[in-house]
Amino acid sequence: MSRQGVGCGLASADFERALSVRPCARTQHFALHYLPPGGELSTAGDVPSPSNVDDCTRSFGLVVPKRHARRAVTRSLIKRQGRSGWSRHALELRCGSWLLRLRCAFATAHFRSAVSGALRLDVGAELDALFKAASGVRS
């Protein structure tokens, strides 16, 4: 996939602004926040899409709190899966800044280890559903 039109990470000030905005998509464990280009916090109306891909930049950030994923290997797995999901779906999403946040912990009783294959599959499937839901949202 070409990196054209897909920006790098969020600045620290953008994290605070994105977290102050209501999530545009949610799943059981994740929330996805969106900031339009230019940093306006308005959620009313459609955001006009640029006519040229070069005019469109997207940036992405992750928040995986230690209280929801105690083990570092679990946090790393979730972050890797989040970046992978972002790279698959970024060009389907509107231009602007996006922030993926882990809202609650995965039940440790359902997974054999902190980086089990089952956890990897569940996280990946949930993130795919989240990004697909966000690509259809026009709020």
C-alpha atoms as a PDB file:
ATOM      1  CA  MET A   1       0.000   0.000   0.000  1.00  0.00           C
ATOM      2  CA  SER A   2       1.234   3.450  -0.833  1.00  0.00           C
ATOM      3  CA  ARG A   3       1.763   5.850   2.036  1.00  0.00           C
ATOM      4  CA  GLN A   4       0.518   8.729  -0.119  1.00  0.00           C
ATOM      5  CA  GLY A   5      -2.281  10.544   1.657  1.00  0.00           C
ATOM      6  CA  VAL A   6      -1.660   8.711   4.928  1.00  0.00           C
ATOM      7  CA  GLY A   7       0.091  10.840   7.528  1.00  0.00           C
ATOM      8  CA  CYS A   8       2.101   9.892  10.560  1.00  0.00           C
ATOM      9  CA  GLY A   9       1.187  10.069  14.232  1.00  0.00           C
ATOM     10  CA  LEU A  10      -0.744  12.668  16.168  1.00  0.00           C
ATOM     11  CA  ALA A  11       0.884  15.512  18.056  1.00  0.00           C
ATOM     12  CA  SER A  12       0.397  15.504  21.829  1.00  0.00           C
ATOM     13  CA  ALA A  13      -2.048  18.434  21.706  1.00  0.00           C
ATOM     14  CA  ASP A  14      -4.148  16.521  19.171  1.00  0.00           C
ATOM     15  CA  PHE A  15      -4.552  13.631  21.631  1.00  0.00           C
ATOM     16  CA  GLU A  16      -6.242  15.911  24.157  1.00  0.00           C
ATOM     17  CA  ARG A  17      -8.451  17.523  21.515  1.00  0.00           C
ATOM     18  CA  ALA A  18      -9.429  14.150  20.034  1.00  0.00           C
ATOM     19  CA  LEU A  19     -10.282  12.717  23.445  1.00  0.00           C
ATOM     20  CA  SER A  20     -12.532  15.706  24.147  1.00  0.00           C
ATOM     21  CA  VAL A  21     -14.641  14.839  21.082  1.00  0.00           C
ATOM     22  CA  ARG A  22     -17.328  12.193  21.202  1.00  0.00           C
ATOM     23  CA  PRO A  23     -16.241   8.934  19.481  1.00  0.00           C
ATOM     24  CA  CYS A  24     -17.501   8.547  15.918  1.00  0.00           C
ATOM     25  CA  ALA A  25     -17.482   4.729  16.164  1.00  0.00           C
ATOM     26  CA  ARG A  26     -17.455   2.236  19.036  1.00  0.00           C
ATOM     27  CA  THR A  27     -17.177  -1.471  19.566  1.00  0.00           C
ATOM     28  CA  GLN A  28     -17.237  -3.495  22.753  1.00  0.00           C
ATOM     29  CA  HIS A  29     -13.577  -2.731  23.563  1.00  0.00           C
ATOM     30  CA  PHE A  30     -12.573   0.209  21.351  1.00  0.00           C
ATOM     31  CA  ALA A  31     -13.575   3.774  20.535  1.00  0.00           C
ATOM     32  CA  LEU A  32     -12.459   5.752  17.487  1.00  0.00           C
ATOM     33  CA  HIS A  33     -12.276   9.546  17.749  1.00  0.00           C
ATOM     34  CA  TYR A  34     -12.097  11.890  14.758  1.00  0.00           C
ATOM     35  CA  LEU A  35     -10.811  15.462  14.354  1.00  0.00           C
ATOM     36  CA  PRO A  36     -11.510  17.138  11.010  1.00  0.00           C
ATOM     37  CA  PRO A  37      -8.646  18.817   9.150  1.00  0.00           C
ATOM     38  CA  GLY A  38      -7.864  22.226  10.593  1.00  0.00           C
ATOM     39  CA  GLY A  39      -8.729  21.067  14.106  1.00  0.00           C
ATOM     40  CA  GLU A  40     -12.346  22.211  14.235  1.00  0.00           C
ATOM     41  CA  LEU A  41     -14.307  20.337  16.849  1.00  0.00           C
ATOM     42  CA  SER A  42     -17.650  20.636  15.090  1.00  0.00           C
ATOM     43  CA  THR A  43     -19.447  17.349  14.519  1.00  0.00           C
ATOM     44  CA  ALA A  44     -22.329  18.850  12.576  1.00  0.00           C
ATOM     45  CA  GLY A  45     -22.663  18.338   8.846  1.00  0.00           C
ATOM     46  CA  ASP A  46     -20.588  16.520   6.305  1.00  0.00           C
ATOM     47  CA  VAL A  47     -16.910  17.230   5.936  1.00  0.00           C
ATOM     48  CA  PRO A  48     -16.177  18.064   2.294  1.00  0.00           C
ATOM     49  CA  SER A  49     -13.756  15.597   0.802  1.00  0.00           C
ATOM     50  CA  PRO A  50     -10.880  17.050  -1.178  1.00  0.00           C
ATOM     51  CA  SER A  51     -10.801  16.518  -4.915  1.00  0.00           C
ATOM     52  CA  ASN A  52      -7.148  15.502  -4.875  1.00  0.00           C
ATOM     53  CA  VAL A  53      -5.560  12.773  -2.734  1.00  0.00           C
ATOM     54  CA  ASP A  54      -2.473  14.962  -2.262  1.00  0.00           C
ATOM     55  CA  ASP A  55      -4.614  17.532  -0.407  1.00  0.00           C
ATOM     56  CA  CYS A  56      -5.834  14.885   2.022  1.00  0.00           C
ATOM     57  CA  THR A  57      -3.762  13.983   5.053  1.00  0.00           C
ATOM     58  CA  ARG A  58      -4.667  11.514   7.738  1.00  0.00           C
ATOM     59  CA  SER A  59      -2.896  11.062  11.044  1.00  0.00           C
ATOM     60  CA  PHE A  60      -3.391   8.287  13.561  1.00  0.00           C
ATOM     61  CA  GLY A  61      -2.749   7.793  17.250  1.00  0.00           C
ATOM     62  CA  LEU A  62      -3.340   5.032  19.787  1.00  0.00           C
ATOM     63  CA  VAL A  63      -4.233   5.032  23.473  1.00  0.00           C
ATOM     64  CA  VAL A  64      -3.880   1.672  25.218  1.00  0.00           C
ATOM     65  CA  PRO A  65      -4.029   2.280  28.983  1.00  0.00           C
ATOM     66  CA  LYS A  66      -2.194  -0.016  31.339  1.00  0.00           C
ATOM     67  CA  ARG A  67      -5.319  -0.398  33.473  1.00  0.00           C
ATOM     68  CA  HIS A  68      -7.068  -2.162  30.530  1.00  0.00           C
ATOM     69  CA  ALA A  69      -4.091  -4.257  29.370  1.00  0.00           C
ATOM     70  CA  ARG A  70      -1.808  -5.021  32.302  1.00  0.00           C
ATOM     71  CA  ARG A  71       0.845  -6.987  30.420  1.00  0.00           C
ATOM     72  CA  ALA A  72       3.201  -5.092  28.117  1.00  0.00           C
ATOM     73  CA  VAL A  73       3.007  -7.871  25.531  1.00  0.00           C
ATOM     74  CA  THR A  74      -0.772  -7.497  25.406  1.00  0.00           C
ATOM     75  CA  ARG A  75      -0.511  -3.731  24.960  1.00  0.00           C
ATOM     76  CA  SER A  76       2.040  -4.245  22.193  1.00  0.00           C
ATOM     77  CA  LEU A  77      -0.213  -6.767  20.450  1.00  0.00           C
ATOM     78  CA  ILE A  78      -3.159  -4.364  20.565  1.00  0.00           C
ATOM     79  CA  LYS A  79      -1.023  -1.510  19.236  1.00  0.00           C
ATOM     80  CA  ARG A  80       0.353  -3.667  16.397  1.00  0.00           C
ATOM     81  CA  GLN A  81      -3.145  -4.794  15.476  1.00  0.00           C
ATOM     82  CA  GLY A  82      -4.372  -1.169  15.641  1.00  0.00           C
ATOM     83  CA  ARG A  83      -1.621   0.077  13.316  1.00  0.00           C
ATOM     84  CA  SER A  84      -2.232  -2.844  10.970  1.00  0.00           C
ATOM     85  CA  GLY A  85      -5.971  -2.132  10.870  1.00  0.00           C
ATOM     86  CA  TRP A  86      -5.244   1.544  10.263  1.00  0.00           C
ATOM     87  CA  SER A  87      -2.956   0.760   7.326  1.00  0.00           C
ATOM     88  CA  ARG A  88      -5.644  -1.474   5.775  1.00  0.00           C
ATOM     89  CA  HIS A  89      -8.491   1.026   6.173  1.00  0.00           C
ATOM     90  CA  ALA A  90      -6.866   4.489   6.205  1.00  0.00           C
ATOM     91  CA  LEU A  91      -7.663   5.374   2.614  1.00  0.00           C
ATOM     92  CA  GLU A  92     -11.358   4.555   3.179  1.00  0.00           C
ATOM     93  CA  LEU A  93     -11.572   7.068   6.047  1.00  0.00           C
ATOM     94  CA  ARG A  94     -12.108  10.812   5.856  1.00  0.00           C
ATOM     95  CA  CYS A  95      -9.177  13.206   5.958  1.00  0.00           C
ATOM     96  CA  GLY A  96      -8.205  14.384   9.419  1.00  0.00           C
ATOM     97  CA  SER A  97      -6.820  13.038  12.665  1.00  0.00           C
ATOM     98  CA  TRP A  98      -7.957   9.709  14.074  1.00  0.00           C
ATOM     99  CA  LEU A  99      -7.427   8.348  17.582  1.00  0.00           C
ATOM    100  CA  LEU A 100      -8.014   4.713  18.540  1.00  0.00           C
ATOM    101  CA  ARG A 101      -8.674   4.156  22.249  1.00  0.00           C
ATOM    102  CA  LEU A 102      -8.988   0.917  24.196  1.00  0.00           C
ATOM    103  CA  ARG A 103     -12.119   1.452  26.315  1.00  0.00           C
ATOM    104  CA  CYS A 104     -12.144  -1.689  28.437  1.00  0.00           C
ATOM    105  CA  ALA A 105     -10.113  -4.811  29.092  1.00  0.00           C
ATOM    106  CA  PHE A 106     -10.424  -8.099  27.245  1.00  0.00           C
ATOM    107  CA  ALA A 107     -11.532 -10.889  29.592  1.00  0.00           C
ATOM    108  CA  THR A 108      -8.398 -12.802  30.545  1.00  0.00           C
ATOM    109  CA  ALA A 109     -10.441 -15.944  31.278  1.00  0.00           C
ATOM    110  CA  HIS A 110     -11.132 -16.385  27.543  1.00  0.00           C
ATOM    111  CA  PHE A 111      -7.503 -16.290  26.377  1.00  0.00           C
ATOM    112  CA  ARG A 112      -4.762 -18.789  27.230  1.00  0.00           C
ATOM    113  CA  SER A 113      -1.942 -16.262  27.264  1.00  0.00           C
ATOM    114  CA  ALA A 114      -1.326 -12.545  27.002  1.00  0.00           C
ATOM    115  CA  VAL A 115      -0.574 -12.847  23.259  1.00  0.00           C
ATOM    116  CA  SER A 116      -2.656 -15.864  22.261  1.00  0.00           C
ATOM    117  CA  GLY A 117      -3.737 -16.411  18.687  1.00  0.00           C
ATOM    118  CA  ALA A 118      -7.362 -16.169  19.786  1.00  0.00           C
ATOM    119  CA  LEU A 119      -6.750 -12.702  21.263  1.00  0.00           C
ATOM    120  CA  ARG A 120      -4.974 -11.615  18.087  1.00  0.00           C
ATOM    121  CA  LEU A 121      -7.924 -12.766  15.955  1.00  0.00           C
ATOM    122  CA  ASP A 122     -10.534 -11.154  18.220  1.00  0.00           C
ATOM    123  CA  VAL A 123      -8.702  -7.829  18.341  1.00  0.00           C
ATOM    124  CA  GLY A 124      -8.160  -7.819  14.571  1.00  0.00           C
ATOM    125  CA  ALA A 125     -11.801  -8.648  13.799  1.00  0.00           C
ATOM    126  CA  GLU A 126     -13.107  -6.019  16.213  1.00  0.00           C
ATOM    127  CA  LEU A 127     -10.792  -3.352  14.768  1.00  0.00           C
ATOM    128  CA  ASP A 128     -11.833  -4.207  11.200  1.00  0.00           C
ATOM    129  CA  ALA A 129     -15.486  -3.782  12.221  1.00  0.00           C
ATOM    130  CA  LEU A 130     -14.655  -0.488  13.946  1.00  0.00           C
ATOM    131  CA  PHE A 131     -12.831   0.997  10.953  1.00  0.00           C
ATOM    132  CA  LYS A 132     -15.570  -0.160   8.564  1.00  0.00           C
ATOM    133  CA  ALA A 133     -18.200   1.472  10.766  1.00  0.00           C
ATOM    134  CA  ALA A 134     -16.186   4.699  10.867  1.00  0.00           C
ATOM    135  CA  SER A 135     -15.760   4.798   7.107  1.00  0.00           C
ATOM    136  CA  GLY A 136     -19.551   4.879   6.708  1.00  0.00           C
ATOM    137  CA  VAL A 137     -20.146   7.493   9.421  1.00  0.00           C
ATOM    138  CA  ARG A 138     -20.731  11.037   8.174  1.00  0.00           C
ATOM    139  CA  SER A 139     -21.151  12.936  11.436  1.00  0.00           C
END
